[in-house]
Protein backbone atom coordinates (compact mmCIF):
# COMPACT_ATOMS: atom_id res chain seq x y z
CA ILE A 1 1.03 21.66 -4.67
CA SER A 2 -0.38 19.58 -1.82
CA ASN A 3 0.75 16.36 -3.54
CA CYS A 4 4.29 17.72 -3.53
CA PHE A 5 3.88 18.79 0.09
CA GLY A 6 2.74 15.27 1.04
CA ARG A 7 5.75 13.71 -0.67
CA ILE A 8 8.15 16.11 1.01
CA LEU A 9 6.49 15.75 4.42
CA VAL A 10 6.52 11.95 4.43
CA GLY A 11 10.04 11.81 3.00
CA TRP A 12 11.27 14.26 5.61
CA ALA A 13 9.59 12.27 8.40
CA MET A 14 11.16 9.05 7.13
CA ASN A 15 14.65 10.58 6.99
CA ARG A 16 14.45 12.32 10.36
CA SER A 17 13.18 9.35 12.31
CA GLU A 18 15.24 7.08 14.44
CA GLY A 19 14.45 3.42 14.68
CA ASP A 20 12.72 0.99 12.39
CA LYS A 21 11.74 2.32 8.97
CA VAL A 22 9.22 -0.46 8.29
CA ILE A 23 7.17 0.36 11.37
CA LEU A 24 7.37 4.07 10.61
CA SER A 25 6.31 3.43 7.00
CA LEU A 26 3.26 1.52 8.19
CA LYS A 27 2.41 4.28 10.66
CA CYS A 28 2.67 6.88 7.90
CA LEU A 29 0.56 4.69 5.60
CA CYS A 30 -2.17 4.44 8.24
CA ALA A 31 -2.01 8.19 8.82
CA CYS A 32 -2.33 8.89 5.09
CA LEU A 33 -5.32 6.55 4.86
CA VAL A 34 -7.04 8.19 7.83
CA LEU A 35 -6.39 11.61 6.29
CA MET A 36 -7.87 10.40 3.00
CA ALA A 37 -10.95 9.01 4.80
CA ALA A 38 -11.43 12.33 6.60
CA SER A 39 -11.12 14.12 3.27
CA GLN A 40 -13.80 11.91 1.73
CA LEU A 41 -16.08 12.68 4.66
CA LEU A 42 -15.42 16.40 4.15
CA LEU A 43 -16.44 15.98 0.51
CA TYR A 44 -19.56 14.20 1.68
CA ILE A 45 -20.55 17.33 3.61
CA SER A 46 -20.50 19.10 0.23
CA ASN A 47 -19.76 22.65 1.29
CA LEU A 48 -17.53 24.73 -0.98
CA THR A 49 -15.16 25.62 1.86
CA PHE A 50 -14.84 21.98 2.87
CA THR A 51 -14.25 21.04 -0.76
CA PHE A 52 -11.09 23.15 -0.93
CA ILE A 53 -9.86 21.86 2.43
CA ALA A 54 -10.55 18.28 1.36
CA ALA A 55 -8.67 18.84 -1.90
CA VAL A 56 -5.57 19.89 0.04
CA PHE A 57 -5.84 16.87 2.35
CA ILE A 58 -6.41 14.47 -0.56
CA GLY A 59 -3.36 15.79 -2.39
CA THR A 60 -1.22 15.54 0.75
CA SER A 61 -2.24 11.97 1.49
CA TYR A 62 -1.91 10.95 -2.16
CA GLY A 63 1.63 12.32 -2.26
CA GLY A 64 2.42 10.47 0.95
CA PHE A 65 1.20 7.19 -0.58
CA TRP A 66 3.56 7.48 -3.53
CA THR A 67 6.49 8.25 -1.27
CA LEU A 68 5.80 5.22 0.91
CA ASN A 69 5.24 2.67 -1.85
CA PRO A 70 8.86 1.95 -2.87
CA SER A 71 10.12 1.75 0.69
CA LEU A 72 7.31 -0.57 1.76
CA VAL A 73 7.86 -2.87 -1.21
CA MET A 74 11.59 -3.00 -0.47
CA ALA A 75 11.07 -3.61 3.24
CA LEU A 76 8.37 -6.23 2.86
CA PHE A 77 9.58 -8.18 -0.17
CA GLY A 78 13.30 -7.46 -0.48
CA GLU A 79 15.25 -6.30 -3.48
CA SER A 80 15.58 -9.50 -5.48
CA HIS A 81 12.35 -8.95 -7.47
CA PHE A 82 11.75 -5.31 -6.60
CA GLY A 83 10.96 -4.14 -10.14
CA LYS A 84 8.39 -6.83 -10.83
CA ILE A 85 6.65 -6.47 -7.50
CA TYR A 86 6.62 -2.67 -7.65
CA ALA A 87 5.22 -2.74 -11.18
CA CYS A 88 2.47 -5.16 -10.15
CA MET A 89 1.69 -3.06 -7.11
CA ASN A 90 1.31 0.02 -9.31
CA LEU A 91 -1.45 -1.72 -11.24
CA ALA A 92 -3.73 -1.44 -8.20
CA PRO A 93 -4.20 2.36 -8.39
CA THR A 94 -4.73 2.12 -12.14
CA VAL A 95 -7.36 -0.59 -11.95
CA GLY A 96 -8.97 0.99 -8.89
CA SER A 97 -9.24 4.40 -10.51
CA ILE A 98 -10.79 2.90 -13.65
CA VAL A 99 -13.32 0.89 -11.67
CA LEU A 100 -14.18 3.69 -9.25
CA SER A 101 -14.19 6.61 -11.68
CA LYS A 102 -15.69 4.97 -14.72
CA TYR A 103 -18.10 2.39 -13.39
CA LEU A 104 -19.00 3.06 -9.76
CA SER A 105 -19.23 6.84 -9.95
CA SER A 106 -21.25 6.76 -13.16
CA TYR A 107 -23.58 4.18 -11.64
CA VAL A 108 -24.12 6.26 -8.49
CA TYR A 109 -24.69 9.39 -10.59
CA SER A 110 -27.19 7.69 -12.88
CA MET A 111 -29.09 6.34 -9.87
CA HIS A 112 -29.65 9.86 -8.57
CA ALA A 113 -29.84 11.85 -11.80
CA ASN A 114 -33.04 13.32 -13.13
CA LYS A 115 -34.30 10.85 -15.73
CA GLN A 116 -35.45 13.55 -18.18
CA ASP A 117 -32.29 15.58 -18.65
CA LEU A 118 -29.76 13.41 -16.75
CA THR A 119 -28.72 16.21 -14.40
CA CYS A 120 -28.03 15.95 -10.72
CA ALA A 121 -27.17 18.59 -8.16
CA GLY A 122 -26.00 18.46 -4.59
CA ASN A 123 -24.68 15.83 -2.26
CA LYS A 124 -27.09 13.16 -3.45
CA CYS A 125 -25.13 12.72 -6.70
CA TYR A 126 -21.86 11.46 -5.27
CA GLY A 127 -22.49 11.28 -1.52
CA LEU A 128 -22.69 7.49 -1.51
CA LEU A 129 -19.42 7.28 -3.45
CA HIS A 130 -17.63 9.46 -0.89
CA LEU A 131 -18.91 7.28 1.93
CA LEU A 132 -17.74 4.12 0.13
CA LEU A 133 -14.31 5.62 -0.47
CA ALA A 134 -14.03 6.71 3.16
CA ALA A 135 -15.00 3.20 4.27
CA SER A 136 -12.38 1.65 1.99
CA CYS A 137 -9.73 3.98 3.42
CA VAL A 138 -10.72 3.02 6.97
CA PHE A 139 -10.55 -0.65 5.97
CA GLY A 140 -7.09 -0.11 4.45
CA SER A 141 -5.93 1.65 7.60
CA PHE A 142 -7.24 -1.23 9.68
CA CYS A 143 -5.30 -3.69 7.49
CA GLY A 144 -2.19 -1.53 7.89
CA LEU A 145 -2.60 -1.62 11.67
CA ILE A 146 -2.90 -5.41 11.57
CA MET A 147 0.28 -5.65 9.48
CA TRP A 148 2.04 -3.25 11.84
CA HIS A 149 1.04 -5.37 14.81
CA ARG A 150 2.07 -8.64 13.13
CA ILE A 151 5.52 -7.54 12.03
CA SER A 152 6.43 -5.32 14.97
CA GLY A 153 8.46 -8.11 16.56
CA SER A 154 9.81 -9.80 13.44
CA HIS A 155 10.76 -6.99 11.09
CA SER A 156 14.47 -7.71 11.09
CA ARG A 157 14.03 -10.16 8.23
CA ILE A 158 12.22 -9.85 4.94
CA ILE A 159 8.56 -10.55 5.67
CA PHE A 160 7.45 -12.07 2.39
CA GLU A 161 10.46 -13.84 0.91
CA ARG A 162 8.61 -16.11 -1.50
CA LEU A 163 5.60 -15.09 -3.50
């Protein structure tokens, strides 16, 4: 439900805004990344109440990401090779989720699990993973702010014409 809410909220904000859509898209991207980082920090606290709140925030920011992706690809690269670039861009979440969910999370869990019965309880199991994910979201937001600053004066043309 929160994923749908995030898609609707970001789409509504994009349609209601006046001015440059590229700059607004980058602002929304940074906001979604900051919301995702805050959600990861809430999961790091590891309280049941915070877990439900973080789940709502994660779904909202995730929905916002998928709403922003096509418009950012179109604005940054143009429409001549939109399909190819969008398909390549969609490989990043797939590869990232495989690496993070299969390899990194299992490694962090096995580091903290009881060696006899391979069980783990509490924040120590995945706390490091939540901190790493929050740091990657902050880094992504920082990169979005750099891109926003760099193109704020030159967004009237396609930014990356040739790949």
